Amino acid sequence: PYRDEVEVVHRSFELDPGRAKDDI
């Protein structure tokens, strides 16, 4: 009921931090 008062912020979390960009 108070959804208009809720601010949603998305934060970063990498499952594979440091993985090379071309490692697919």
PDBML (XML) file of the C-alpha atoms, coordinates in Angstrom:
<?xml version="1.0" encoding="UTF-8" ?>
<PDBx:datablock datablockName="MODEL"
   xmlns:PDBx="http://pdbml.pdb.org/schema/pdbx-v50.xsd"
   xmlns:xsi="http://www.w3.org/2001/XMLSchema-instance"
   xsi:schemaLocation="http://pdbml.pdb.org/schema/pdbx-v50.xsd pdbx-v50.xsd">
   <PDBx:atom_siteCategory>
      <PDBx:atom_site id="1">
         <PDBx:B_iso_or_equiv>0.00</PDBx:B_iso_or_equiv>
         <PDBx:Cartn_x>0.000</PDBx:Cartn_x>
         <PDBx:Cartn_y>0.000</PDBx:Cartn_y>
         <PDBx:Cartn_z>0.000</PDBx:Cartn_z>
         <PDBx:auth_asym_id>A</PDBx:auth_asym_id>
         <PDBx:auth_atom_id>CA</PDBx:auth_atom_id>
         <PDBx:auth_comp_id>PRO</PDBx:auth_comp_id>
         <PDBx:auth_seq_id>1</PDBx:auth_seq_id>
         <PDBx:group_PDB>ATOM</PDBx:group_PDB>
         <PDBx:label_alt_id xsi:nil="true" />
         <PDBx:label_asym_id>A</PDBx:label_asym_id>
         <PDBx:label_atom_id>CA</PDBx:label_atom_id>
         <PDBx:label_comp_id>PRO</PDBx:label_comp_id>
         <PDBx:label_entity_id>1</PDBx:label_entity_id>
         <PDBx:label_seq_id>1</PDBx:label_seq_id>
         <PDBx:occupancy>1.00</PDBx:occupancy>
         <PDBx:pdbx_PDB_model_num>1</PDBx:pdbx_PDB_model_num>
         <PDBx:type_symbol>C</PDBx:type_symbol>
      </PDBx:atom_site>
      <PDBx:atom_site id="2">
         <PDBx:B_iso_or_equiv>0.00</PDBx:B_iso_or_equiv>
         <PDBx:Cartn_x>2.936</PDBx:Cartn_x>
         <PDBx:Cartn_y>2.402</PDBx:Cartn_y>
         <PDBx:Cartn_z>0.474</PDBx:Cartn_z>
         <PDBx:auth_asym_id>A</PDBx:auth_asym_id>
         <PDBx:auth_atom_id>CA</PDBx:auth_atom_id>
         <PDBx:auth_comp_id>TYR</PDBx:auth_comp_id>
         <PDBx:auth_seq_id>2</PDBx:auth_seq_id>
         <PDBx:group_PDB>ATOM</PDBx:group_PDB>
         <PDBx:label_alt_id xsi:nil="true" />
         <PDBx:label_asym_id>A</PDBx:label_asym_id>
         <PDBx:label_atom_id>CA</PDBx:label_atom_id>
         <PDBx:label_comp_id>TYR</PDBx:label_comp_id>
         <PDBx:label_entity_id>1</PDBx:label_entity_id>
         <PDBx:label_seq_id>2</PDBx:label_seq_id>
         <PDBx:occupancy>1.00</PDBx:occupancy>
         <PDBx:pdbx_PDB_model_num>1</PDBx:pdbx_PDB_model_num>
         <PDBx:type_symbol>C</PDBx:type_symbol>
      </PDBx:atom_site>
      <PDBx:atom_site id="3">
         <PDBx:B_iso_or_equiv>0.00</PDBx:B_iso_or_equiv>
         <PDBx:Cartn_x>4.764</PDBx:Cartn_x>
         <PDBx:Cartn_y>1.453</PDBx:Cartn_y>
         <PDBx:Cartn_z>-2.746</PDBx:Cartn_z>
         <PDBx:auth_asym_id>A</PDBx:auth_asym_id>
         <PDBx:auth_atom_id>CA</PDBx:auth_atom_id>
         <PDBx:auth_comp_id>ARG</PDBx:auth_comp_id>
         <PDBx:auth_seq_id>3</PDBx:auth_seq_id>
         <PDBx:group_PDB>ATOM</PDBx:group_PDB>
         <PDBx:label_alt_id xsi:nil="true" />
         <PDBx:label_asym_id>A</PDBx:label_asym_id>
         <PDBx:label_atom_id>CA</PDBx:label_atom_id>
         <PDBx:label_comp_id>ARG</PDBx:label_comp_id>
         <PDBx:label_entity_id>1</PDBx:label_entity_id>
         <PDBx:label_seq_id>3</PDBx:label_seq_id>
         <PDBx:occupancy>1.00</PDBx:occupancy>
         <PDBx:pdbx_PDB_model_num>1</PDBx:pdbx_PDB_model_num>
         <PDBx:type_symbol>C</PDBx:type_symbol>
      </PDBx:atom_site>
      <PDBx:atom_site id="4">
         <PDBx:B_iso_or_equiv>0.00</PDBx:B_iso_or_equiv>
         <PDBx:Cartn_x>4.980</PDBx:Cartn_x>
         <PDBx:Cartn_y>5.098</PDBx:Cartn_y>
         <PDBx:Cartn_z>-3.836</PDBx:Cartn_z>
         <PDBx:auth_asym_id>A</PDBx:auth_asym_id>
         <PDBx:auth_atom_id>CA</PDBx:auth_atom_id>
         <PDBx:auth_comp_id>ASP</PDBx:auth_comp_id>
         <PDBx:auth_seq_id>4</PDBx:auth_seq_id>
         <PDBx:group_PDB>ATOM</PDBx:group_PDB>
         <PDBx:label_alt_id xsi:nil="true" />
         <PDBx:label_asym_id>A</PDBx:label_asym_id>
         <PDBx:label_atom_id>CA</PDBx:label_atom_id>
         <PDBx:label_comp_id>ASP</PDBx:label_comp_id>
         <PDBx:label_entity_id>1</PDBx:label_entity_id>
         <PDBx:label_seq_id>4</PDBx:label_seq_id>
         <PDBx:occupancy>1.00</PDBx:occupancy>
         <PDBx:pdbx_PDB_model_num>1</PDBx:pdbx_PDB_model_num>
         <PDBx:type_symbol>C</PDBx:type_symbol>
      </PDBx:atom_site>
      <PDBx:atom_site id="5">
         <PDBx:B_iso_or_equiv>0.00</PDBx:B_iso_or_equiv>
         <PDBx:Cartn_x>7.192</PDBx:Cartn_x>
         <PDBx:Cartn_y>5.753</PDBx:Cartn_y>
         <PDBx:Cartn_z>-0.812</PDBx:Cartn_z>
         <PDBx:auth_asym_id>A</PDBx:auth_asym_id>
         <PDBx:auth_atom_id>CA</PDBx:auth_atom_id>
         <PDBx:auth_comp_id>GLU</PDBx:auth_comp_id>
         <PDBx:auth_seq_id>5</PDBx:auth_seq_id>
         <PDBx:group_PDB>ATOM</PDBx:group_PDB>
         <PDBx:label_alt_id xsi:nil="true" />
         <PDBx:label_asym_id>A</PDBx:label_asym_id>
         <PDBx:label_atom_id>CA</PDBx:label_atom_id>
         <PDBx:label_comp_id>GLU</PDBx:label_comp_id>
         <PDBx:label_entity_id>1</PDBx:label_entity_id>
         <PDBx:label_seq_id>5</PDBx:label_seq_id>
         <PDBx:occupancy>1.00</PDBx:occupancy>
         <PDBx:pdbx_PDB_model_num>1</PDBx:pdbx_PDB_model_num>
         <PDBx:type_symbol>C</PDBx:type_symbol>
      </PDBx:atom_site>
      <PDBx:atom_site id="6">
         <PDBx:B_iso_or_equiv>0.00</PDBx:B_iso_or_equiv>
         <PDBx:Cartn_x>9.648</PDBx:Cartn_x>
         <PDBx:Cartn_y>2.975</PDBx:Cartn_y>
         <PDBx:Cartn_z>-1.681</PDBx:Cartn_z>
         <PDBx:auth_asym_id>A</PDBx:auth_asym_id>
         <PDBx:auth_atom_id>CA</PDBx:auth_atom_id>
         <PDBx:auth_comp_id>VAL</PDBx:auth_comp_id>
         <PDBx:auth_seq_id>6</PDBx:auth_seq_id>
         <PDBx:group_PDB>ATOM</PDBx:group_PDB>
         <PDBx:label_alt_id xsi:nil="true" />
         <PDBx:label_asym_id>A</PDBx:label_asym_id>
         <PDBx:label_atom_id>CA</PDBx:label_atom_id>
         <PDBx:label_comp_id>VAL</PDBx:label_comp_id>
         <PDBx:label_entity_id>1</PDBx:label_entity_id>
         <PDBx:label_seq_id>6</PDBx:label_seq_id>
         <PDBx:occupancy>1.00</PDBx:occupancy>
         <PDBx:pdbx_PDB_model_num>1</PDBx:pdbx_PDB_model_num>
         <PDBx:type_symbol>C</PDBx:type_symbol>
      </PDBx:atom_site>
      <PDBx:atom_site id="7">
         <PDBx:B_iso_or_equiv>0.00</PDBx:B_iso_or_equiv>
         <PDBx:Cartn_x>12.902</PDBx:Cartn_x>
         <PDBx:Cartn_y>3.729</PDBx:Cartn_y>
         <PDBx:Cartn_z>-3.513</PDBx:Cartn_z>
         <PDBx:auth_asym_id>A</PDBx:auth_asym_id>
         <PDBx:auth_atom_id>CA</PDBx:auth_atom_id>
         <PDBx:auth_comp_id>GLU</PDBx:auth_comp_id>
         <PDBx:auth_seq_id>7</PDBx:auth_seq_id>
         <PDBx:group_PDB>ATOM</PDBx:group_PDB>
         <PDBx:label_alt_id xsi:nil="true" />
         <PDBx:label_asym_id>A</PDBx:label_asym_id>
         <PDBx:label_atom_id>CA</PDBx:label_atom_id>
         <PDBx:label_comp_id>GLU</PDBx:label_comp_id>
         <PDBx:label_entity_id>1</PDBx:label_entity_id>
         <PDBx:label_seq_id>7</PDBx:label_seq_id>
         <PDBx:occupancy>1.00</PDBx:occupancy>
         <PDBx:pdbx_PDB_model_num>1</PDBx:pdbx_PDB_model_num>
         <PDBx:type_symbol>C</PDBx:type_symbol>
      </PDBx:atom_site>
      <PDBx:atom_site id="8">
         <PDBx:B_iso_or_equiv>0.00</PDBx:B_iso_or_equiv>
         <PDBx:Cartn_x>14.531</PDBx:Cartn_x>
         <PDBx:Cartn_y>0.671</PDBx:Cartn_y>
         <PDBx:Cartn_z>-5.100</PDBx:Cartn_z>
         <PDBx:auth_asym_id>A</PDBx:auth_asym_id>
         <PDBx:auth_atom_id>CA</PDBx:auth_atom_id>
         <PDBx:auth_comp_id>VAL</PDBx:auth_comp_id>
         <PDBx:auth_seq_id>8</PDBx:auth_seq_id>
         <PDBx:group_PDB>ATOM</PDBx:group_PDB>
         <PDBx:label_alt_id xsi:nil="true" />
         <PDBx:label_asym_id>A</PDBx:label_asym_id>
         <PDBx:label_atom_id>CA</PDBx:label_atom_id>
         <PDBx:label_comp_id>VAL</PDBx:label_comp_id>
         <PDBx:label_entity_id>1</PDBx:label_entity_id>
         <PDBx:label_seq_id>8</PDBx:label_seq_id>
         <PDBx:occupancy>1.00</PDBx:occupancy>
         <PDBx:pdbx_PDB_model_num>1</PDBx:pdbx_PDB_model_num>
         <PDBx:type_symbol>C</PDBx:type_symbol>
      </PDBx:atom_site>
      <PDBx:atom_site id="9">
         <PDBx:B_iso_or_equiv>0.00</PDBx:B_iso_or_equiv>
         <PDBx:Cartn_x>18.282</PDBx:Cartn_x>
         <PDBx:Cartn_y>0.734</PDBx:Cartn_y>
         <PDBx:Cartn_z>-5.726</PDBx:Cartn_z>
         <PDBx:auth_asym_id>A</PDBx:auth_asym_id>
         <PDBx:auth_atom_id>CA</PDBx:auth_atom_id>
         <PDBx:auth_comp_id>VAL</PDBx:auth_comp_id>
         <PDBx:auth_seq_id>9</PDBx:auth_seq_id>
         <PDBx:group_PDB>ATOM</PDBx:group_PDB>
         <PDBx:label_alt_id xsi:nil="true" />
         <PDBx:label_asym_id>A</PDBx:label_asym_id>
         <PDBx:label_atom_id>CA</PDBx:label_atom_id>
         <PDBx:label_comp_id>VAL</PDBx:label_comp_id>
         <PDBx:label_entity_id>1</PDBx:label_entity_id>
         <PDBx:label_seq_id>9</PDBx:label_seq_id>
         <PDBx:occupancy>1.00</PDBx:occupancy>
         <PDBx:pdbx_PDB_model_num>1</PDBx:pdbx_PDB_model_num>
         <PDBx:type_symbol>C</PDBx:type_symbol>
      </PDBx:atom_site>
      <PDBx:atom_site id="10">
         <PDBx:B_iso_or_equiv>0.00</PDBx:B_iso_or_equiv>
         <PDBx:Cartn_x>20.102</PDBx:Cartn_x>
         <PDBx:Cartn_y>-2.095</PDBx:Cartn_y>
         <PDBx:Cartn_z>-7.470</PDBx:Cartn_z>
         <PDBx:auth_asym_id>A</PDBx:auth_asym_id>
         <PDBx:auth_atom_id>CA</PDBx:auth_atom_id>
         <PDBx:auth_comp_id>HIS</PDBx:auth_comp_id>
         <PDBx:auth_seq_id>10</PDBx:auth_seq_id>
         <PDBx:group_PDB>ATOM</PDBx:group_PDB>
         <PDBx:label_alt_id xsi:nil="true" />
         <PDBx:label_asym_id>A</PDBx:label_asym_id>
         <PDBx:label_atom_id>CA</PDBx:label_atom_id>
         <PDBx:label_comp_id>HIS</PDBx:label_comp_id>
         <PDBx:label_entity_id>1</PDBx:label_entity_id>
         <PDBx:label_seq_id>10</PDBx:label_seq_id>
         <PDBx:occupancy>1.00</PDBx:occupancy>
         <PDBx:pdbx_PDB_model_num>1</PDBx:pdbx_PDB_model_num>
         <PDBx:type_symbol>C</PDBx:type_symbol>
      </PDBx:atom_site>
      <PDBx:atom_site id="11">
         <PDBx:B_iso_or_equiv>0.00</PDBx:B_iso_or_equiv>
         <PDBx:Cartn_x>23.586</PDBx:Cartn_x>
         <PDBx:Cartn_y>-2.976</PDBx:Cartn_y>
         <PDBx:Cartn_z>-6.259</PDBx:Cartn_z>
         <PDBx:auth_asym_id>A</PDBx:auth_asym_id>
         <PDBx:auth_atom_id>CA</PDBx:auth_atom_id>
         <PDBx:auth_comp_id>ARG</PDBx:auth_comp_id>
         <PDBx:auth_seq_id>11</PDBx:auth_seq_id>
         <PDBx:group_PDB>ATOM</PDBx:group_PDB>
         <PDBx:label_alt_id xsi:nil="true" />
         <PDBx:label_asym_id>A</PDBx:label_asym_id>
         <PDBx:label_atom_id>CA</PDBx:label_atom_id>
         <PDBx:label_comp_id>ARG</PDBx:label_comp_id>
         <PDBx:label_entity_id>1</PDBx:label_entity_id>
         <PDBx:label_seq_id>11</PDBx:label_seq_id>
         <PDBx:occupancy>1.00</PDBx:occupancy>
         <PDBx:pdbx_PDB_model_num>1</PDBx:pdbx_PDB_model_num>
         <PDBx:type_symbol>C</PDBx:type_symbol>
      </PDBx:atom_site>
      <PDBx:atom_site id="12">
         <PDBx:B_iso_or_equiv>0.00</PDBx:B_iso_or_equiv>
         <PDBx:Cartn_x>26.364</PDBx:Cartn_x>
         <PDBx:Cartn_y>-4.893</PDBx:Cartn_y>
         <PDBx:Cartn_z>-7.980</PDBx:Cartn_z>
         <PDBx:auth_asym_id>A</PDBx:auth_asym_id>
         <PDBx:auth_atom_id>CA</PDBx:auth_atom_id>
         <PDBx:auth_comp_id>SER</PDBx:auth_comp_id>
         <PDBx:auth_seq_id>12</PDBx:auth_seq_id>
         <PDBx:group_PDB>ATOM</PDBx:group_PDB>
         <PDBx:label_alt_id xsi:nil="true" />
         <PDBx:label_asym_id>A</PDBx:label_asym_id>
         <PDBx:label_atom_id>CA</PDBx:label_atom_id>
         <PDBx:label_comp_id>SER</PDBx:label_comp_id>
         <PDBx:label_entity_id>1</PDBx:label_entity_id>
         <PDBx:label_seq_id>12</PDBx:label_seq_id>
         <PDBx:occupancy>1.00</PDBx:occupancy>
         <PDBx:pdbx_PDB_model_num>1</PDBx:pdbx_PDB_model_num>
         <PDBx:type_symbol>C</PDBx:type_symbol>
      </PDBx:atom_site>
      <PDBx:atom_site id="13">
         <PDBx:B_iso_or_equiv>0.00</PDBx:B_iso_or_equiv>
         <PDBx:Cartn_x>27.395</PDBx:Cartn_x>
         <PDBx:Cartn_y>-8.459</PDBx:Cartn_y>
         <PDBx:Cartn_z>-7.182</PDBx:Cartn_z>
         <PDBx:auth_asym_id>A</PDBx:auth_asym_id>
         <PDBx:auth_atom_id>CA</PDBx:auth_atom_id>
         <PDBx:auth_comp_id>PHE</PDBx:auth_comp_id>
         <PDBx:auth_seq_id>13</PDBx:auth_seq_id>
         <PDBx:group_PDB>ATOM</PDBx:group_PDB>
         <PDBx:label_alt_id xsi:nil="true" />
         <PDBx:label_asym_id>A</PDBx:label_asym_id>
         <PDBx:label_atom_id>CA</PDBx:label_atom_id>
         <PDBx:label_comp_id>PHE</PDBx:label_comp_id>
         <PDBx:label_entity_id>1</PDBx:label_entity_id>
         <PDBx:label_seq_id>13</PDBx:label_seq_id>
         <PDBx:occupancy>1.00</PDBx:occupancy>
         <PDBx:pdbx_PDB_model_num>1</PDBx:pdbx_PDB_model_num>
         <PDBx:type_symbol>C</PDBx:type_symbol>
      </PDBx:atom_site>
      <PDBx:atom_site id="14">
         <PDBx:B_iso_or_equiv>0.00</PDBx:B_iso_or_equiv>
         <PDBx:Cartn_x>29.471</PDBx:Cartn_x>
         <PDBx:Cartn_y>-10.490</PDBx:Cartn_y>
         <PDBx:Cartn_z>-9.660</PDBx:Cartn_z>
         <PDBx:auth_asym_id>A</PDBx:auth_asym_id>
         <PDBx:auth_atom_id>CA</PDBx:auth_atom_id>
         <PDBx:auth_comp_id>GLU</PDBx:auth_comp_id>
         <PDBx:auth_seq_id>14</PDBx:auth_seq_id>
         <PDBx:group_PDB>ATOM</PDBx:group_PDB>
         <PDBx:label_alt_id xsi:nil="true" />
         <PDBx:label_asym_id>A</PDBx:label_asym_id>
         <PDBx:label_atom_id>CA</PDBx:label_atom_id>
         <PDBx:label_comp_id>GLU</PDBx:label_comp_id>
         <PDBx:label_entity_id>1</PDBx:label_entity_id>
         <PDBx:label_seq_id>14</PDBx:label_seq_id>
         <PDBx:occupancy>1.00</PDBx:occupancy>
         <PDBx:pdbx_PDB_model_num>1</PDBx:pdbx_PDB_model_num>
         <PDBx:type_symbol>C</PDBx:type_symbol>
      </PDBx:atom_site>
      <PDBx:atom_site id="15">
         <PDBx:B_iso_or_equiv>0.00</PDBx:B_iso_or_equiv>
         <PDBx:Cartn_x>29.273</PDBx:Cartn_x>
         <PDBx:Cartn_y>-14.256</PDBx:Cartn_y>
         <PDBx:Cartn_z>-9.477</PDBx:Cartn_z>
         <PDBx:auth_asym_id>A</PDBx:auth_asym_id>
         <PDBx:auth_atom_id>CA</PDBx:auth_atom_id>
         <PDBx:auth_comp_id>LEU</PDBx:auth_comp_id>
         <PDBx:auth_seq_id>15</PDBx:auth_seq_id>
         <PDBx:group_PDB>ATOM</PDBx:group_PDB>
         <PDBx:label_alt_id xsi:nil="true" />
         <PDBx:label_asym_id>A</PDBx:label_asym_id>
         <PDBx:label_atom_id>CA</PDBx:label_atom_id>
         <PDBx:label_comp_id>LEU</PDBx:label_comp_id>
         <PDBx:label_entity_id>1</PDBx:label_entity_id>
         <PDBx:label_seq_id>15</PDBx:label_seq_id>
         <PDBx:occupancy>1.00</PDBx:occupancy>
         <PDBx:pdbx_PDB_model_num>1</PDBx:pdbx_PDB_model_num>
         <PDBx:type_symbol>C</PDBx:type_symbol>
      </PDBx:atom_site>
      <PDBx:atom_site id="16">
         <PDBx:B_iso_or_equiv>0.00</PDBx:B_iso_or_equiv>
         <PDBx:Cartn_x>32.546</PDBx:Cartn_x>
         <PDBx:Cartn_y>-14.429</PDBx:Cartn_y>
         <PDBx:Cartn_z>-11.425</PDBx:Cartn_z>
         <PDBx:auth_asym_id>A</PDBx:auth_asym_id>
         <PDBx:auth_atom_id>CA</PDBx:auth_atom_id>
         <PDBx:auth_comp_id>ASP</PDBx:auth_comp_id>
         <PDBx:auth_seq_id>16</PDBx:auth_seq_id>
         <PDBx:group_PDB>ATOM</PDBx:group_PDB>
         <PDBx:label_alt_id xsi:nil="true" />
         <PDBx:label_asym_id>A</PDBx:label_asym_id>
         <PDBx:label_atom_id>CA</PDBx:label_atom_id>
         <PDBx:label_comp_id>ASP</PDBx:label_comp_id>
         <PDBx:label_entity_id>1</PDBx:label_entity_id>
         <PDBx:label_seq_id>16</PDBx:label_seq_id>
         <PDBx:occupancy>1.00</PDBx:occupancy>
         <PDBx:pdbx_PDB_model_num>1</PDBx:pdbx_PDB_model_num>
         <PDBx:type_symbol>C</PDBx:type_symbol>
      </PDBx:atom_site>
      <PDBx:atom_site id="17">
         <PDBx:B_iso_or_equiv>0.00</PDBx:B_iso_or_equiv>
         <PDBx:Cartn_x>34.552</PDBx:Cartn_x>
         <PDBx:Cartn_y>-11.342</PDBx:Cartn_y>
         <PDBx:Cartn_z>-10.397</PDBx:Cartn_z>
         <PDBx:auth_asym_id>A</PDBx:auth_asym_id>
         <PDBx:auth_atom_id>CA</PDBx:auth_atom_id>
         <PDBx:auth_comp_id>PRO</PDBx:auth_comp_id>
         <PDBx:auth_seq_id>17</PDBx:auth_seq_id>
         <PDBx:group_PDB>ATOM</PDBx:group_PDB>
         <PDBx:label_alt_id xsi:nil="true" />
         <PDBx:label_asym_id>A</PDBx:label_asym_id>
         <PDBx:label_atom_id>CA</PDBx:label_atom_id>
         <PDBx:label_comp_id>PRO</PDBx:label_comp_id>
         <PDBx:label_entity_id>1</PDBx:label_entity_id>
         <PDBx:label_seq_id>17</PDBx:label_seq_id>
         <PDBx:occupancy>1.00</PDBx:occupancy>
         <PDBx:pdbx_PDB_model_num>1</PDBx:pdbx_PDB_model_num>
         <PDBx:type_symbol>C</PDBx:type_symbol>
      </PDBx:atom_site>
      <PDBx:atom_site id="18">
         <PDBx:B_iso_or_equiv>0.00</PDBx:B_iso_or_equiv>
         <PDBx:Cartn_x>37.691</PDBx:Cartn_x>
         <PDBx:Cartn_y>-10.977</PDBx:Cartn_y>
         <PDBx:Cartn_z>-12.431</PDBx:Cartn_z>
         <PDBx:auth_asym_id>A</PDBx:auth_asym_id>
         <PDBx:auth_atom_id>CA</PDBx:auth_atom_id>
         <PDBx:auth_comp_id>GLY</PDBx:auth_comp_id>
         <PDBx:auth_seq_id>18</PDBx:auth_seq_id>
         <PDBx:group_PDB>ATOM</PDBx:group_PDB>
         <PDBx:label_alt_id xsi:nil="true" />
         <PDBx:label_asym_id>A</PDBx:label_asym_id>
         <PDBx:label_atom_id>CA</PDBx:label_atom_id>
         <PDBx:label_comp_id>GLY</PDBx:label_comp_id>
         <PDBx:label_entity_id>1</PDBx:label_entity_id>
         <PDBx:label_seq_id>18</PDBx:label_seq_id>
         <PDBx:occupancy>1.00</PDBx:occupancy>
         <PDBx:pdbx_PDB_model_num>1</PDBx:pdbx_PDB_model_num>
         <PDBx:type_symbol>C</PDBx:type_symbol>
      </PDBx:atom_site>
      <PDBx:atom_site id="19">
         <PDBx:B_iso_or_equiv>0.00</PDBx:B_iso_or_equiv>
         <PDBx:Cartn_x>36.445</PDBx:Cartn_x>
         <PDBx:Cartn_y>-13.162</PDBx:Cartn_y>
         <PDBx:Cartn_z>-15.280</PDBx:Cartn_z>
         <PDBx:auth_asym_id>A</PDBx:auth_asym_id>
         <PDBx:auth_atom_id>CA</PDBx:auth_atom_id>
         <PDBx:auth_comp_id>ARG</PDBx:auth_comp_id>
         <PDBx:auth_seq_id>19</PDBx:auth_seq_id>
         <PDBx:group_PDB>ATOM</PDBx:group_PDB>
         <PDBx:label_alt_id xsi:nil="true" />
         <PDBx:label_asym_id>A</PDBx:label_asym_id>
         <PDBx:label_atom_id>CA</PDBx:label_atom_id>
         <PDBx:label_comp_id>ARG</PDBx:label_comp_id>
         <PDBx:label_entity_id>1</PDBx:label_entity_id>
         <PDBx:label_seq_id>19</PDBx:label_seq_id>
         <PDBx:occupancy>1.00</PDBx:occupancy>
         <PDBx:pdbx_PDB_model_num>1</PDBx:pdbx_PDB_model_num>
         <PDBx:type_symbol>C</PDBx:type_symbol>
      </PDBx:atom_site>
      <PDBx:atom_site id="20">
         <PDBx:B_iso_or_equiv>0.00</PDBx:B_iso_or_equiv>
         <PDBx:Cartn_x>37.972</PDBx:Cartn_x>
         <PDBx:Cartn_y>-12.082</PDBx:Cartn_y>
         <PDBx:Cartn_z>-18.578</PDBx:Cartn_z>
         <PDBx:auth_asym_id>A</PDBx:auth_asym_id>
         <PDBx:auth_atom_id>CA</PDBx:auth_atom_id>
         <PDBx:auth_comp_id>ALA</PDBx:auth_comp_id>
         <PDBx:auth_seq_id>20</PDBx:auth_seq_id>
         <PDBx:group_PDB>ATOM</PDBx:group_PDB>
         <PDBx:label_alt_id xsi:nil="true" />
         <PDBx:label_asym_id>A</PDBx:label_asym_id>
         <PDBx:label_atom_id>CA</PDBx:label_atom_id>
         <PDBx:label_comp_id>ALA</PDBx:label_comp_id>
         <PDBx:label_entity_id>1</PDBx:label_entity_id>
         <PDBx:label_seq_id>20</PDBx:label_seq_id>
         <PDBx:occupancy>1.00</PDBx:occupancy>
         <PDBx:pdbx_PDB_model_num>1</PDBx:pdbx_PDB_model_num>
         <PDBx:type_symbol>C</PDBx:type_symbol>
      </PDBx:atom_site>
      <PDBx:atom_site id="21">
         <PDBx:B_iso_or_equiv>0.00</PDBx:B_iso_or_equiv>
         <PDBx:Cartn_x>35.641</PDBx:Cartn_x>
         <PDBx:Cartn_y>-10.289</PDBx:Cartn_y>
         <PDBx:Cartn_z>-20.952</PDBx:Cartn_z>
         <PDBx:auth_asym_id>A</PDBx:auth_asym_id>
         <PDBx:auth_atom_id>CA</PDBx:auth_atom_id>
         <PDBx:auth_comp_id>LYS</PDBx:auth_comp_id>
         <PDBx:auth_seq_id>21</PDBx:auth_seq_id>
         <PDBx:group_PDB>ATOM</PDBx:group_PDB>
         <PDBx:label_alt_id xsi:nil="true" />
         <PDBx:label_asym_id>A</PDBx:label_asym_id>
         <PDBx:label_atom_id>CA</PDBx:label_atom_id>
         <PDBx:label_comp_id>LYS</PDBx:label_comp_id>
         <PDBx:label_entity_id>1</PDBx:label_entity_id>
         <PDBx:label_seq_id>21</PDBx:label_seq_id>
         <PDBx:occupancy>1.00</PDBx:occupancy>
         <PDBx:pdbx_PDB_model_num>1</PDBx:pdbx_PDB_model_num>
         <PDBx:type_symbol>C</PDBx:type_symbol>
      </PDBx:atom_site>
      <PDBx:atom_site id="22">
         <PDBx:B_iso_or_equiv>0.00</PDBx:B_iso_or_equiv>
         <PDBx:Cartn_x>36.307</PDBx:Cartn_x>
         <PDBx:Cartn_y>-12.800</PDBx:Cartn_y>
         <PDBx:Cartn_z>-23.723</PDBx:Cartn_z>
         <PDBx:auth_asym_id>A</PDBx:auth_asym_id>
         <PDBx:auth_atom_id>CA</PDBx:auth_atom_id>
         <PDBx:auth_comp_id>ASP</PDBx:auth_comp_id>
         <PDBx:auth_seq_id>22</PDBx:auth_seq_id>
         <PDBx:group_PDB>ATOM</PDBx:group_PDB>
         <PDBx:label_alt_id xsi:nil="true" />
         <PDBx:label_asym_id>A</PDBx:label_asym_id>
         <PDBx:label_atom_id>CA</PDBx:label_atom_id>
         <PDBx:label_comp_id>ASP</PDBx:label_comp_id>
         <PDBx:label_entity_id>1</PDBx:label_entity_id>
         <PDBx:label_seq_id>22</PDBx:label_seq_id>
         <PDBx:occupancy>1.00</PDBx:occupancy>
         <PDBx:pdbx_PDB_model_num>1</PDBx:pdbx_PDB_model_num>
         <PDBx:type_symbol>C</PDBx:type_symbol>
      </PDBx:atom_site>
      <PDBx:atom_site id="23">
         <PDBx:B_iso_or_equiv>0.00</PDBx:B_iso_or_equiv>
         <PDBx:Cartn_x>35.924</PDBx:Cartn_x>
         <PDBx:Cartn_y>-15.852</PDBx:Cartn_y>
         <PDBx:Cartn_z>-21.457</PDBx:Cartn_z>
         <PDBx:auth_asym_id>A</PDBx:auth_asym_id>
         <PDBx:auth_atom_id>CA</PDBx:auth_atom_id>
         <PDBx:auth_comp_id>ASP</PDBx:auth_comp_id>
         <PDBx:auth_seq_id>23</PDBx:auth_seq_id>
         <PDBx:group_PDB>ATOM</PDBx:group_PDB>
         <PDBx:label_alt_id xsi:nil="true" />
         <PDBx:label_asym_id>A</PDBx:label_asym_id>
         <PDBx:label_atom_id>CA</PDBx:label_atom_id>
         <PDBx:label_comp_id>ASP</PDBx:label_comp_id>
         <PDBx:label_entity_id>1</PDBx:label_entity_id>
         <PDBx:label_seq_id>23</PDBx:label_seq_id>
         <PDBx:occupancy>1.00</PDBx:occupancy>
         <PDBx:pdbx_PDB_model_num>1</PDBx:pdbx_PDB_model_num>
         <PDBx:type_symbol>C</PDBx:type_symbol>
      </PDBx:atom_site>
      <PDBx:atom_site id="24">
         <PDBx:B_iso_or_equiv>0.00</PDBx:B_iso_or_equiv>
         <PDBx:Cartn_x>32.520</PDBx:Cartn_x>
         <PDBx:Cartn_y>-17.053</PDBx:Cartn_y>
         <PDBx:Cartn_z>-22.650</PDBx:Cartn_z>
         <PDBx:auth_asym_id>A</PDBx:auth_asym_id>
         <PDBx:auth_atom_id>CA</PDBx:auth_atom_id>
         <PDBx:auth_comp_id>ILE</PDBx:auth_comp_id>
         <PDBx:auth_seq_id>24</PDBx:auth_seq_id>
         <PDBx:group_PDB>ATOM</PDBx:group_PDB>
         <PDBx:label_alt_id xsi:nil="true" />
         <PDBx:label_asym_id>A</PDBx:label_asym_id>
         <PDBx:label_atom_id>CA</PDBx:label_atom_id>
         <PDBx:label_comp_id>ILE</PDBx:label_comp_id>
         <PDBx:label_entity_id>1</PDBx:label_entity_id>
         <PDBx:label_seq_id>24</PDBx:label_seq_id>
         <PDBx:occupancy>1.00</PDBx:occupancy>
         <PDBx:pdbx_PDB_model_num>1</PDBx:pdbx_PDB_model_num>
         <PDBx:type_symbol>C</PDBx:type_symbol>
      </PDBx:atom_site>
   </PDBx:atom_siteCategory>
</PDBx:datablock>
